[in-house]
Protein backbone atom coordinates (compact mmCIF):
# COMPACT_ATOMS: atom_id res chain seq x y z
CA UNK A 1 0.00 0.00 0.00
CA UNK A 2 2.68 2.48 1.02
CA UNK A 3 4.67 1.64 -2.09
CA UNK A 4 1.73 2.61 -4.29
CA UNK A 5 1.33 5.89 -2.43
CA UNK A 6 5.02 6.64 -2.84
CA UNK A 7 4.87 5.89 -6.56
CA UNK A 8 1.85 8.16 -6.94
CA UNK A 9 3.54 10.92 -4.99
CA UNK A 10 6.68 10.62 -7.12
CA UNK A 11 4.69 10.64 -10.34
CA UNK A 12 2.72 13.68 -9.28
CA UNK A 13 5.98 15.39 -8.36
CA UNK A 14 7.38 14.65 -11.80
CA UNK A 15 4.22 15.99 -13.45
CA UNK A 16 4.57 19.16 -11.37
CA UNK A 17 8.21 19.56 -12.41
CA UNK A 18 7.22 19.14 -16.04
CA UNK A 19 4.42 21.70 -15.75
CA UNK A 20 6.74 24.12 -13.98
CA UNK A 21 9.35 23.79 -16.73
CA UNK A 22 6.70 24.45 -19.38
CA UNK A 23 5.48 27.54 -17.53
CA UNK A 24 9.02 28.88 -17.18
CA UNK A 25 9.69 28.11 -20.84
CA UNK A 26 6.54 29.96 -21.91
CA UNK A 27 7.44 32.91 -19.69
CA UNK A 28 10.95 33.04 -21.13
CA UNK A 29 9.54 33.01 -24.66
CA UNK A 30 7.10 35.82 -23.95
CA UNK A 31 9.88 37.87 -22.31
CA UNK A 32 11.93 37.34 -25.46
CA UNK A 33 9.02 38.41 -27.65
CA UNK A 34 8.54 41.58 -25.59
CA UNK A 35 12.22 42.46 -25.93
CA UNK A 36 12.08 41.98 -29.69
CA UNK A 37 8.91 44.08 -29.96
CA UNK A 38 10.45 47.05 -28.17
C-alpha atoms as a PDB file:
ATOM      1  CA  UNK A   1       0.000   0.000   0.000  1.00  0.00           C
ATOM      2  CA  UNK A   2       2.679   2.479   1.016  1.00  0.00           C
ATOM      3  CA  UNK A   3       4.669   1.645  -2.092  1.00  0.00           C
ATOM      4  CA  UNK A   4       1.726   2.608  -4.294  1.00  0.00           C
ATOM      5  CA  UNK A   5       1.334   5.886  -2.426  1.00  0.00           C
ATOM      6  CA  UNK A   6       5.021   6.645  -2.839  1.00  0.00           C
ATOM      7  CA  UNK A   7       4.867   5.887  -6.558  1.00  0.00           C
ATOM      8  CA  UNK A   8       1.850   8.163  -6.944  1.00  0.00           C
ATOM      9  CA  UNK A   9       3.544  10.918  -4.987  1.00  0.00           C
ATOM     10  CA  UNK A  10       6.681  10.623  -7.116  1.00  0.00           C
ATOM     11  CA  UNK A  11       4.685  10.640 -10.340  1.00  0.00           C
ATOM     12  CA  UNK A  12       2.717  13.683  -9.280  1.00  0.00           C
ATOM     13  CA  UNK A  13       5.981  15.392  -8.357  1.00  0.00           C
ATOM     14  CA  UNK A  14       7.384  14.653 -11.802  1.00  0.00           C
ATOM     15  CA  UNK A  15       4.225  15.994 -13.450  1.00  0.00           C
ATOM     16  CA  UNK A  16       4.571  19.159 -11.372  1.00  0.00           C
ATOM     17  CA  UNK A  17       8.213  19.557 -12.409  1.00  0.00           C
ATOM     18  CA  UNK A  18       7.220  19.137 -16.038  1.00  0.00           C
ATOM     19  CA  UNK A  19       4.422  21.697 -15.753  1.00  0.00           C
ATOM     20  CA  UNK A  20       6.744  24.118 -13.981  1.00  0.00           C
ATOM     21  CA  UNK A  21       9.354  23.786 -16.734  1.00  0.00           C
ATOM     22  CA  UNK A  22       6.702  24.447 -19.380  1.00  0.00           C
ATOM     23  CA  UNK A  23       5.476  27.541 -17.527  1.00  0.00           C
ATOM     24  CA  UNK A  24       9.022  28.882 -17.185  1.00  0.00           C
ATOM     25  CA  UNK A  25       9.686  28.114 -20.845  1.00  0.00           C
ATOM     26  CA  UNK A  26       6.535  29.963 -21.907  1.00  0.00           C
ATOM     27  CA  UNK A  27       7.437  32.908 -19.687  1.00  0.00           C
ATOM     28  CA  UNK A  28      10.949  33.041 -21.130  1.00  0.00           C
ATOM     29  CA  UNK A  29       9.543  33.006 -24.659  1.00  0.00           C
ATOM     30  CA  UNK A  30       7.100  35.819 -23.955  1.00  0.00           C
ATOM     31  CA  UNK A  31       9.878  37.865 -22.305  1.00  0.00           C
ATOM     32  CA  UNK A  32      11.927  37.345 -25.457  1.00  0.00           C
ATOM     33  CA  UNK A  33       9.017  38.414 -27.654  1.00  0.00           C
ATOM     34  CA  UNK A  34       8.536  41.576 -25.590  1.00  0.00           C
ATOM     35  CA  UNK A  35      12.224  42.456 -25.932  1.00  0.00           C
ATOM     36  CA  UNK A  36      12.080  41.977 -29.693  1.00  0.00           C
ATOM     37  CA  UNK A  37       8.909  44.080 -29.955  1.00  0.00           C
ATOM     38  CA  UNK A  38      10.451  47.047 -28.174  1.00  0.00           C
END
